[in-house]
Structure formats: C-alpha cells, structure tokens
All heavy atoms as atom14 arrays in JSON, in Angstrom:
{
  "sequence": "QTLRRMEQLTLVQRRRYAEAPPRVEYELTVAGHDLLGPIYALGEWVD",
  "atom14_mask": [
    [1, 1, 1, 1, 1, 1, 1, 1, 1, 0, 0, 0, 0, 0],
    [1, 1, 1, 1, 1, 1, 1, 0, 0, 0, 0, 0, 0, 0],
    [1, 1, 1, 1, 1, 1, 1, 1, 0, 0, 0, 0, 0, 0],
    [1, 1, 1, 1, 1, 1, 1, 1, 1, 1, 1, 0, 0, 0],
    [1, 1, 1, 1, 1, 1, 1, 1, 1, 1, 1, 0, 0, 0],
    [1, 1, 1, 1, 1, 1, 1, 1, 0, 0, 0, 0, 0, 0],
    [1, 1, 1, 1, 1, 1, 1, 1, 1, 0, 0, 0, 0, 0],
    [1, 1, 1, 1, 1, 1, 1, 1, 1, 0, 0, 0, 0, 0],
    [1, 1, 1, 1, 1, 1, 1, 1, 0, 0, 0, 0, 0, 0],
    [1, 1, 1, 1, 1, 1, 1, 0, 0, 0, 0, 0, 0, 0],
    [1, 1, 1, 1, 1, 1, 1, 1, 0, 0, 0, 0, 0, 0],
    [1, 1, 1, 1, 1, 1, 1, 0, 0, 0, 0, 0, 0, 0],
    [1, 1, 1, 1, 1, 1, 1, 1, 1, 0, 0, 0, 0, 0],
    [1, 1, 1, 1, 1, 1, 1, 1, 1, 1, 1, 0, 0, 0],
    [1, 1, 1, 1, 1, 1, 1, 1, 1, 1, 1, 0, 0, 0],
    [1, 1, 1, 1, 1, 1, 1, 1, 1, 1, 1, 0, 0, 0],
    [1, 1, 1, 1, 1, 1, 1, 1, 1, 1, 1, 1, 0, 0],
    [1, 1, 1, 1, 1, 0, 0, 0, 0, 0, 0, 0, 0, 0],
    [1, 1, 1, 1, 1, 1, 1, 1, 1, 0, 0, 0, 0, 0],
    [1, 1, 1, 1, 1, 0, 0, 0, 0, 0, 0, 0, 0, 0],
    [1, 1, 1, 1, 1, 1, 1, 0, 0, 0, 0, 0, 0, 0],
    [1, 1, 1, 1, 1, 1, 1, 0, 0, 0, 0, 0, 0, 0],
    [1, 1, 1, 1, 1, 1, 1, 1, 1, 1, 1, 0, 0, 0],
    [1, 1, 1, 1, 1, 1, 1, 0, 0, 0, 0, 0, 0, 0],
    [1, 1, 1, 1, 1, 1, 1, 1, 1, 0, 0, 0, 0, 0],
    [1, 1, 1, 1, 1, 1, 1, 1, 1, 1, 1, 1, 0, 0],
    [1, 1, 1, 1, 1, 1, 1, 1, 1, 0, 0, 0, 0, 0],
    [1, 1, 1, 1, 1, 1, 1, 1, 0, 0, 0, 0, 0, 0],
    [1, 1, 1, 1, 1, 1, 1, 0, 0, 0, 0, 0, 0, 0],
    [1, 1, 1, 1, 1, 1, 1, 0, 0, 0, 0, 0, 0, 0],
    [1, 1, 1, 1, 1, 0, 0, 0, 0, 0, 0, 0, 0, 0],
    [1, 1, 1, 1, 0, 0, 0, 0, 0, 0, 0, 0, 0, 0],
    [1, 1, 1, 1, 1, 1, 1, 1, 1, 1, 0, 0, 0, 0],
    [1, 1, 1, 1, 1, 1, 1, 1, 0, 0, 0, 0, 0, 0],
    [1, 1, 1, 1, 1, 1, 1, 1, 0, 0, 0, 0, 0, 0],
    [1, 1, 1, 1, 1, 1, 1, 1, 0, 0, 0, 0, 0, 0],
    [1, 1, 1, 1, 0, 0, 0, 0, 0, 0, 0, 0, 0, 0],
    [1, 1, 1, 1, 1, 1, 1, 0, 0, 0, 0, 0, 0, 0],
    [1, 1, 1, 1, 1, 1, 1, 1, 0, 0, 0, 0, 0, 0],
    [1, 1, 1, 1, 1, 1, 1, 1, 1, 1, 1, 1, 0, 0],
    [1, 1, 1, 1, 1, 0, 0, 0, 0, 0, 0, 0, 0, 0],
    [1, 1, 1, 1, 1, 1, 1, 1, 0, 0, 0, 0, 0, 0],
    [1, 1, 1, 1, 0, 0, 0, 0, 0, 0, 0, 0, 0, 0],
    [1, 1, 1, 1, 1, 1, 1, 1, 1, 0, 0, 0, 0, 0],
    [1, 1, 1, 1, 1, 1, 1, 1, 1, 1, 1, 1, 1, 1],
    [1, 1, 1, 1, 1, 1, 1, 0, 0, 0, 0, 0, 0, 0],
    [1, 1, 1, 1, 1, 1, 1, 1, 0, 0, 0, 0, 0, 0]
  ],
  "atom14_positions": [
    [[222.57, -51.87, -153.32], [222.8, -53.32, -153.33], [221.73, -54.04, -154.15], [222.04, -54.94, -154.94], [222.8, -53.87, -151.9], [224.01, -53.54, -151.11], [223.9, -54.03, -149.66], [222.84, -54.45, -149.19], [225.02, -53.99, -148.95], [0.0, 0.0, 0.0], [0.0, 0.0, 0.0], [0.0, 0.0, 0.0], [0.0, 0.0, 0.0], [0.0, 0.0, 0.0]],
    [[220.49, -53.64, -153.96], [219.39, -54.31, -154.67], [219.45, -54.02, -156.16], [219.27, -54.93, -156.99], [218.03, -53.88, -154.08], [218.03, -54.12, -152.67], [216.89, -54.66, -154.72], [0.0, 0.0, 0.0], [0.0, 0.0, 0.0], [0.0, 0.0, 0.0], [0.0, 0.0, 0.0], [0.0, 0.0, 0.0], [0.0, 0.0, 0.0], [0.0, 0.0, 0.0]],
    [[219.73, -52.78, -156.55], [219.85, -52.45, -157.97], [221.01, -53.2, -158.62], [220.88, -53.69, -159.75], [220.02, -50.95, -158.16], [218.75, -50.11, -157.95], [219.09, -48.63, -157.87], [217.72, -50.39, -159.03], [0.0, 0.0, 0.0], [0.0, 0.0, 0.0], [0.0, 0.0, 0.0], [0.0, 0.0, 0.0], [0.0, 0.0, 0.0], [0.0, 0.0, 0.0]],
    [[222.13, -53.31, -157.93], [223.27, -54.07, -158.48], [222.9, -55.54, -158.66], [223.25, -56.16, -159.67], [224.49, -53.94, -157.56], [225.16, -52.6, -157.69], [226.39, -52.51, -156.82], [226.98, -51.18, -156.9], [227.76, -50.64, -155.99], [228.08, -51.34, -154.91], [228.26, -49.45, -156.15], [0.0, 0.0, 0.0], [0.0, 0.0, 0.0], [0.0, 0.0, 0.0]],
    [[222.22, -56.1, -157.67], [221.8, -57.5, -157.77], [220.81, -57.68, -158.92], [220.9, -58.63, -159.7], [221.17, -57.95, -156.44], [220.73, -59.38, -156.43], [221.91, -60.3, -156.4], [221.45, -61.67, -156.31], [222.0, -62.67, -156.96], [223.06, -62.46, -157.71], [221.54, -63.89, -156.84], [0.0, 0.0, 0.0], [0.0, 0.0, 0.0], [0.0, 0.0, 0.0]],
    [[219.88, -56.76, -159.07], [218.91, -56.84, -160.15], [219.6, -56.72, -161.51], [219.18, -57.37, -162.47], [217.85, -55.75, -159.98], [216.94, -55.96, -158.79], [215.83, -54.57, -158.49], [214.72, -54.74, -159.87], [0.0, 0.0, 0.0], [0.0, 0.0, 0.0], [0.0, 0.0, 0.0], [0.0, 0.0, 0.0], [0.0, 0.0, 0.0], [0.0, 0.0, 0.0]],
    [[220.65, -55.92, -161.58], [221.42, -55.79, -162.82], [222.12, -57.12, -163.13], [222.11, -57.58, -164.27], [222.42, -54.65, -162.69], [223.1, -54.29, -163.99], [224.03, -53.09, -163.85], [224.29, -52.63, -162.73], [224.51, -52.63, -164.91], [0.0, 0.0, 0.0], [0.0, 0.0, 0.0], [0.0, 0.0, 0.0], [0.0, 0.0, 0.0], [0.0, 0.0, 0.0]],
    [[222.7, -57.75, -162.11], [223.35, -59.06, -162.3], [222.35, -60.1, -162.78], [222.69, -60.97, -163.58], [223.98, -59.55, -161.0], [225.2, -58.81, -160.56], [225.68, -59.28, -159.19], [224.88, -59.72, -158.35], [226.98, -59.18, -158.96], [0.0, 0.0, 0.0], [0.0, 0.0, 0.0], [0.0, 0.0, 0.0], [0.0, 0.0, 0.0], [0.0, 0.0, 0.0]],
    [[221.13, -60.03, -162.28], [220.09, -60.99, -162.64], [219.39, -60.64, -163.94], [218.42, -61.3, -164.32], [219.05, -61.08, -161.5], [219.58, -61.59, -160.17], [218.53, -61.42, -159.08], [220.02, -63.05, -160.29], [0.0, 0.0, 0.0], [0.0, 0.0, 0.0], [0.0, 0.0, 0.0], [0.0, 0.0, 0.0], [0.0, 0.0, 0.0], [0.0, 0.0, 0.0]],
    [[219.84, -59.61, -164.63], [219.29, -59.11, -165.9], [217.84, -58.65, -165.78], [217.07, -58.75, -166.72], [219.44, -60.14, -167.05], [218.57, -61.25, -166.83], [220.87, -60.59, -167.22], [0.0, 0.0, 0.0], [0.0, 0.0, 0.0], [0.0, 0.0, 0.0], [0.0, 0.0, 0.0], [0.0, 0.0, 0.0], [0.0, 0.0, 0.0], [0.0, 0.0, 0.0]],
    [[217.48, -58.12, -164.62], [216.13, -57.59, -164.41], [216.06, -56.1, -164.71], [214.99, -55.59, -165.03], [215.66, -57.86, -162.98], [215.63, -59.33, -162.57], [215.27, -59.46, -161.1], [214.66, -60.11, -163.44], [0.0, 0.0, 0.0], [0.0, 0.0, 0.0], [0.0, 0.0, 0.0], [0.0, 0.0, 0.0], [0.0, 0.0, 0.0], [0.0, 0.0, 0.0]],
    [[217.18, -55.4, -164.53], [217.25, -53.98, -164.86], [218.49, -53.72, -165.7], [219.46, -54.47, -165.66], [217.29, -53.06, -163.61], [216.02, -53.16, -162.79], [218.52, -53.3, -162.78], [0.0, 0.0, 0.0], [0.0, 0.0, 0.0], [0.0, 0.0, 0.0], [0.0, 0.0, 0.0], [0.0, 0.0, 0.0], [0.0, 0.0, 0.0], [0.0, 0.0, 0.0]],
    [[218.41, -52.63, -166.45], [219.56, -52.16, -167.22], [219.96, -50.81, -166.64], [219.11, -49.94, -166.41], [219.19, -52.01, -168.69], [220.31, -51.49, -169.54], [219.89, -51.38, -171.0], [218.78, -51.72, -171.39], [220.79, -50.88, -171.82], [0.0, 0.0, 0.0], [0.0, 0.0, 0.0], [0.0, 0.0, 0.0], [0.0, 0.0, 0.0], [0.0, 0.0, 0.0]],
    [[221.24, -50.66, -166.39], [221.78, -49.41, -165.86], [222.33, -48.6, -167.03], [223.09, -49.11, -167.84], [222.91, -49.72, -164.87], [223.55, -48.52, -164.25], [224.62, -49.02, -163.26], [225.16, -47.95, -162.48], [226.31, -47.35, -162.73], [227.06, -47.73, -163.76], [226.75, -46.38, -161.95], [0.0, 0.0, 0.0], [0.0, 0.0, 0.0], [0.0, 0.0, 0.0]],
    [[221.91, -47.35, -167.1], [222.4, -46.46, -168.16], [223.14, -45.29, -167.53], [222.59, -44.6, -166.68], [221.24, -45.93, -168.98], [220.62, -46.99, -169.83], [219.96, -46.38, -171.04], [219.5, -47.45, -171.9], [218.28, -47.56, -172.36], [217.39, -46.65, -172.04], [217.94, -48.55, -173.13], [0.0, 0.0, 0.0], [0.0, 0.0, 0.0], [0.0, 0.0, 0.0]],
    [[224.37, -45.12, -167.97], [225.18, -43.97, -167.53], [225.24, -42.97, -168.65], [225.47, -43.32, -169.81], [226.59, -44.42, -167.18], [226.69, -45.05, -165.83], [228.08, -45.46, -165.44], [229.12, -44.63, -166.03], [230.39, -44.93, -165.99], [230.8, -46.04, -165.41], [231.29, -44.15, -166.53], [0.0, 0.0, 0.0], [0.0, 0.0, 0.0], [0.0, 0.0, 0.0]],
    [[225.07, -41.73, -168.3], [225.13, -40.65, -169.28], [226.39, -39.84, -169.04], [226.73, -39.53, -167.89], [223.9, -39.76, -169.18], [222.62, -40.48, -169.54], [221.88, -41.16, -168.56], [222.16, -40.51, -170.84], [220.72, -41.83, -168.88], [221.0, -41.18, -171.18], [220.29, -41.84, -170.19], [219.14, -42.51, -170.52], [0.0, 0.0, 0.0], [0.0, 0.0, 0.0]],
    [[227.08, -39.5, -170.11], [228.32, -38.72, -170.02], [227.96, -37.25, -169.86], [227.96, -36.47, -170.82], [229.18, -38.94, -171.25], [0.0, 0.0, 0.0], [0.0, 0.0, 0.0], [0.0, 0.0, 0.0], [0.0, 0.0, 0.0], [0.0, 0.0, 0.0], [0.0, 0.0, 0.0], [0.0, 0.0, 0.0], [0.0, 0.0, 0.0], [0.0, 0.0, 0.0]],
    [[227.61, -36.9, -168.65], [227.22, -35.53, -168.33], [227.96, -35.1, -167.08], [228.5, -35.93, -166.35], [225.71, -35.43, -168.06], [224.85, -35.81, -169.23], [223.36, -35.82, -168.86], [223.02, -35.67, -167.67], [222.56, -35.98, -169.78], [0.0, 0.0, 0.0], [0.0, 0.0, 0.0], [0.0, 0.0, 0.0], [0.0, 0.0, 0.0], [0.0, 0.0, 0.0]],
    [[227.96, -33.82, -166.82], [228.51, -33.32, -165.58], [227.39, -32.58, -164.85], [226.84, -31.62, -165.4], [229.69, -32.38, -165.84], [0.0, 0.0, 0.0], [0.0, 0.0, 0.0], [0.0, 0.0, 0.0], [0.0, 0.0, 0.0], [0.0, 0.0, 0.0], [0.0, 0.0, 0.0], [0.0, 0.0, 0.0], [0.0, 0.0, 0.0], [0.0, 0.0, 0.0]],
    [[226.98, -33.01, -163.69], [227.43, -34.21, -162.97], [226.92, -35.48, -163.66], [225.95, -35.43, -164.41], [226.81, -34.04, -161.58], [225.61, -33.2, -161.8], [225.93, -32.29, -162.96], [0.0, 0.0, 0.0], [0.0, 0.0, 0.0], [0.0, 0.0, 0.0], [0.0, 0.0, 0.0], [0.0, 0.0, 0.0], [0.0, 0.0, 0.0], [0.0, 0.0, 0.0]],
    [[227.58, -36.61, -163.38], [227.17, -37.87, -164.01], [225.72, -38.22, -163.66], [225.25, -37.92, -162.57], [228.11, -38.91, -163.41], [229.19, -38.15, -162.74], [228.68, -36.78, -162.47], [0.0, 0.0, 0.0], [0.0, 0.0, 0.0], [0.0, 0.0, 0.0], [0.0, 0.0, 0.0], [0.0, 0.0, 0.0], [0.0, 0.0, 0.0], [0.0, 0.0, 0.0]],
    [[225.04, -38.82, -164.62], [223.64, -39.21, -164.42], [223.51, -40.7, -164.72], [224.06, -41.2, -165.7], [222.74, -38.41, -165.35], [221.27, -38.76, -165.21], [220.37, -37.77, -165.94], [220.65, -37.68, -167.36], [219.8, -38.07, -168.31], [218.64, -38.59, -168.0], [220.13, -37.94, -169.58], [0.0, 0.0, 0.0], [0.0, 0.0, 0.0], [0.0, 0.0, 0.0]],
    [[222.78, -41.39, -163.85], [222.54, -42.83, -164.0], [221.04, -43.06, -163.9], [220.36, -42.44, -163.07], [223.26, -43.64, -162.89], [222.91, -45.11, -162.96], [224.76, -43.45, -163.0], [0.0, 0.0, 0.0], [0.0, 0.0, 0.0], [0.0, 0.0, 0.0], [0.0, 0.0, 0.0], [0.0, 0.0, 0.0], [0.0, 0.0, 0.0], [0.0, 0.0, 0.0]],
    [[220.52, -43.93, -164.76], [219.12, -44.34, -164.7], [219.03, -45.85, -164.76], [219.89, -46.51, -165.34], [218.33, -43.76, -165.89], [218.09, -42.3, -165.84], [217.26, -41.81, -167.02], [217.21, -42.49, -168.07], [216.67, -40.73, -166.88], [0.0, 0.0, 0.0], [0.0, 0.0, 0.0], [0.0, 0.0, 0.0], [0.0, 0.0, 0.0], [0.0, 0.0, 0.0]],
    [[217.98, -46.36, -164.16], [217.7, -47.8, -164.2], [216.37, -48.01, -164.9], [215.41, -47.26, -164.68], [217.66, -48.39, -162.8], [219.03, -48.47, -162.18], [219.54, -47.4, -161.45], [219.82, -49.6, -162.35], [220.81, -47.46, -160.89], [221.08, -49.68, -161.78], [221.57, -48.61, -161.07], [222.82, -48.67, -160.51], [0.0, 0.0, 0.0], [0.0, 0.0, 0.0]],
    [[216.33, -49.04, -165.74], [215.13, -49.36, -166.49], [214.93, -50.87, -166.48], [215.9, -51.64, -166.52], [215.3, -48.87, -167.93], [214.1, -49.08, -168.8], [214.27, -48.43, -170.17], [215.41, -48.13, -170.58], [213.24, -48.21, -170.83], [0.0, 0.0, 0.0], [0.0, 0.0, 0.0], [0.0, 0.0, 0.0], [0.0, 0.0, 0.0], [0.0, 0.0, 0.0]],
    [[213.69, -51.31, -166.43], [213.4, -52.74, -166.46], [213.77, -53.34, -167.81], [213.55, -52.72, -168.85], [211.92, -53.01, -166.2], [211.39, -52.71, -164.81], [209.88, -52.96, -164.77], [212.09, -53.56, -163.76], [0.0, 0.0, 0.0], [0.0, 0.0, 0.0], [0.0, 0.0, 0.0], [0.0, 0.0, 0.0], [0.0, 0.0, 0.0], [0.0, 0.0, 0.0]],
    [[214.32, -54.55, -167.77], [214.52, -55.33, -168.99], [213.23, -56.09, -169.27], [212.25, -55.99, -168.51], [215.67, -56.33, -168.79], [215.3, -57.22, -167.75], [216.98, -55.62, -168.46], [0.0, 0.0, 0.0], [0.0, 0.0, 0.0], [0.0, 0.0, 0.0], [0.0, 0.0, 0.0], [0.0, 0.0, 0.0], [0.0, 0.0, 0.0], [0.0, 0.0, 0.0]],
    [[213.22, -56.88, -170.32], [212.04, -57.71, -170.62], [211.78, -58.65, -169.44], [210.64, -58.82, -169.0], [212.25, -58.5, -171.94], [211.13, -59.51, -172.14], [212.34, -57.54, -173.11], [0.0, 0.0, 0.0], [0.0, 0.0, 0.0], [0.0, 0.0, 0.0], [0.0, 0.0, 0.0], [0.0, 0.0, 0.0], [0.0, 0.0, 0.0], [0.0, 0.0, 0.0]],
    [[212.84, -59.26, -168.9], [212.67, -60.16, -167.76], [212.11, -59.41, -166.56], [211.25, -59.94, -165.82], [214.01, -60.81, -167.4], [0.0, 0.0, 0.0], [0.0, 0.0, 0.0], [0.0, 0.0, 0.0], [0.0, 0.0, 0.0], [0.0, 0.0, 0.0], [0.0, 0.0, 0.0], [0.0, 0.0, 0.0], [0.0, 0.0, 0.0], [0.0, 0.0, 0.0]],
    [[212.55, -58.19, -166.34], [212.02, -57.39, -165.24], [210.56, -57.06, -165.43], [209.74, -57.16, -164.5], [0.0, 0.0, 0.0], [0.0, 0.0, 0.0], [0.0, 0.0, 0.0], [0.0, 0.0, 0.0], [0.0, 0.0, 0.0], [0.0, 0.0, 0.0], [0.0, 0.0, 0.0], [0.0, 0.0, 0.0], [0.0, 0.0, 0.0], [0.0, 0.0, 0.0]],
    [[210.19, -56.67, -166.67], [208.77, -56.39, -166.97], [207.91, -57.63, -166.74], [206.78, -57.52, -166.28], [208.61, -55.92, -168.42], [208.72, -54.43, -168.57], [207.72, -53.57, -168.23], [209.73, -53.67, -169.03], [208.1, -52.33, -168.48], [209.33, -52.36, -168.96], [0.0, 0.0, 0.0], [0.0, 0.0, 0.0], [0.0, 0.0, 0.0], [0.0, 0.0, 0.0]],
    [[208.46, -58.8, -167.08], [207.69, -60.03, -166.91], [207.41, -60.35, -165.44], [206.49, -61.11, -165.13], [208.4, -61.21, -167.57], [208.29, -61.17, -169.09], [207.51, -60.36, -169.63], [209.0, -61.96, -169.75], [0.0, 0.0, 0.0], [0.0, 0.0, 0.0], [0.0, 0.0, 0.0], [0.0, 0.0, 0.0], [0.0, 0.0, 0.0], [0.0, 0.0, 0.0]],
    [[208.17, -59.78, -164.52], [207.9, -59.97, -163.09], [206.68, -59.18, -162.63], [206.15, -59.45, -161.55], [209.11, -59.56, -162.24], [210.17, -60.6, -162.02], [211.33, -60.02, -161.22], [209.6, -61.82, -161.3], [0.0, 0.0, 0.0], [0.0, 0.0, 0.0], [0.0, 0.0, 0.0], [0.0, 0.0, 0.0], [0.0, 0.0, 0.0], [0.0, 0.0, 0.0]],
    [[206.24, -58.22, -163.41], [205.08, -57.43, -163.01], [203.82, -58.3, -162.91], [202.97, -58.05, -162.06], [204.85, -56.27, -163.97], [205.85, -55.12, -163.82], [205.74, -54.17, -165.01], [205.66, -54.4, -162.51], [0.0, 0.0, 0.0], [0.0, 0.0, 0.0], [0.0, 0.0, 0.0], [0.0, 0.0, 0.0], [0.0, 0.0, 0.0], [0.0, 0.0, 0.0]],
    [[203.7, -59.32, -163.75], [202.54, -60.21, -163.68], [202.37, -60.84, -162.31], [201.31, -60.71, -161.67], [0.0, 0.0, 0.0], [0.0, 0.0, 0.0], [0.0, 0.0, 0.0], [0.0, 0.0, 0.0], [0.0, 0.0, 0.0], [0.0, 0.0, 0.0], [0.0, 0.0, 0.0], [0.0, 0.0, 0.0], [0.0, 0.0, 0.0], [0.0, 0.0, 0.0]],
    [[203.41, -61.53, -161.79], [203.29, -62.1, -160.44], [203.12, -61.04, -159.36], [202.42, -61.27, -158.37], [204.61, -62.86, -160.25], [205.15, -63.09, -161.6], [204.62, -61.98, -162.47], [0.0, 0.0, 0.0], [0.0, 0.0, 0.0], [0.0, 0.0, 0.0], [0.0, 0.0, 0.0], [0.0, 0.0, 0.0], [0.0, 0.0, 0.0], [0.0, 0.0, 0.0]],
    [[203.71, -59.86, -159.54], [203.56, -58.79, -158.55], [202.1, -58.33, -158.51], [201.52, -58.17, -157.43], [204.52, -57.62, -158.85], [205.97, -58.06, -158.56], [204.15, -56.38, -158.03], [207.03, -57.1, -159.05], [0.0, 0.0, 0.0], [0.0, 0.0, 0.0], [0.0, 0.0, 0.0], [0.0, 0.0, 0.0], [0.0, 0.0, 0.0], [0.0, 0.0, 0.0]],
    [[201.49, -58.13, -159.67], [200.08, -57.75, -159.71], [199.21, -58.86, -159.11], [198.24, -58.57, -158.39], [199.63, -57.44, -161.13], [200.24, -56.2, -161.74], [200.51, -56.14, -163.1], [200.54, -55.09, -160.98], [201.05, -55.0, -163.68], [201.09, -53.94, -161.55], [201.34, -53.91, -162.89], [201.88, -52.78, -163.47], [0.0, 0.0, 0.0], [0.0, 0.0, 0.0]],
    [[199.53, -60.11, -159.4], [198.75, -61.23, -158.86], [198.85, -61.26, -157.33], [197.84, -61.48, -156.65], [199.23, -62.55, -159.45], [0.0, 0.0, 0.0], [0.0, 0.0, 0.0], [0.0, 0.0, 0.0], [0.0, 0.0, 0.0], [0.0, 0.0, 0.0], [0.0, 0.0, 0.0], [0.0, 0.0, 0.0], [0.0, 0.0, 0.0], [0.0, 0.0, 0.0]],
    [[200.03, -61.02, -156.79], [200.17, -60.97, -155.33], [199.39, -59.8, -154.75], [198.79, -59.93, -153.67], [201.65, -60.85, -154.94], [202.44, -62.15, -154.95], [203.92, -61.86, -154.75], [201.94, -63.1, -153.89], [0.0, 0.0, 0.0], [0.0, 0.0, 0.0], [0.0, 0.0, 0.0], [0.0, 0.0, 0.0], [0.0, 0.0, 0.0], [0.0, 0.0, 0.0]],
    [[199.4, -58.67, -155.45], [198.6, -57.53, -154.99], [197.13, -57.86, -154.92], [196.44, -57.5, -153.95], [0.0, 0.0, 0.0], [0.0, 0.0, 0.0], [0.0, 0.0, 0.0], [0.0, 0.0, 0.0], [0.0, 0.0, 0.0], [0.0, 0.0, 0.0], [0.0, 0.0, 0.0], [0.0, 0.0, 0.0], [0.0, 0.0, 0.0], [0.0, 0.0, 0.0]],
    [[196.61, -58.56, -155.92], [195.21, -58.98, -155.91], [194.94, -59.93, -154.76], [193.9, -59.84, -154.08], [194.83, -59.63, -157.24], [194.76, -58.65, -158.39], [194.4, -59.32, -159.7], [193.87, -60.45, -159.71], [194.68, -58.71, -160.75], [0.0, 0.0, 0.0], [0.0, 0.0, 0.0], [0.0, 0.0, 0.0], [0.0, 0.0, 0.0], [0.0, 0.0, 0.0]],
    [[195.87, -60.86, -154.51], [195.71, -61.81, -153.42], [195.66, -61.08, -152.08], [194.81, -61.35, -151.23], [196.84, -62.84, -153.43], [196.66, -63.88, -152.39], [196.01, -65.08, -152.53], [197.13, -63.84, -151.04], [196.03, -65.77, -151.35], [196.72, -65.04, -150.42], [197.84, -62.91, -150.3], [197.0, -65.32, -149.1], [198.13, -63.19, -148.97], [197.71, -64.38, -148.37]],
    [[196.57, -60.12, -151.88], [196.61, -59.36, -150.62], [195.33, -58.54, -150.47], [194.77, -58.46, -149.37], [197.86, -58.46, -150.55], [197.78, -57.49, -149.4], [199.11, -59.32, -150.44], [0.0, 0.0, 0.0], [0.0, 0.0, 0.0], [0.0, 0.0, 0.0], [0.0, 0.0, 0.0], [0.0, 0.0, 0.0], [0.0, 0.0, 0.0], [0.0, 0.0, 0.0]],
    [[194.86, -57.95, -151.55], [193.62, -57.19, -151.49], [192.46, -58.07, -151.05], [191.6, -57.65, -150.28], [193.33, -56.55, -152.87], [192.13, -55.62, -152.83], [192.1, -54.73, -151.96], [191.24, -55.79, -153.68], [0.0, 0.0, 0.0], [0.0, 0.0, 0.0], [0.0, 0.0, 0.0], [0.0, 0.0, 0.0], [0.0, 0.0, 0.0], [0.0, 0.0, 0.0]]
  ]
}
C-alpha cells in the first residue's frame, strides 16, 4: 500500500522486468531523493 501510494505521489518509480519469475524494483525519483534532507534533519533533531 505504501509503495503504491509513493508511486502515485511520484516519490518512487516501479520497474518491472520481463523475467521468469517476474521481478519488480522500486527506486527513488528526484522528488523522493529530495525528502532525504528533511529525514536527515529529523534524525539529527531526535538524536
């Protein structure tokens, strides 16, 4: 559910590979990578 939502929000890109068995990977988009800044800042705050 979370990966599908993130895909809708353009935070991740889903890649399907035509293999047997099927293979799927998720990768951050530019918008997803840009969320790392606030995540790191929150980590520093919690620390």
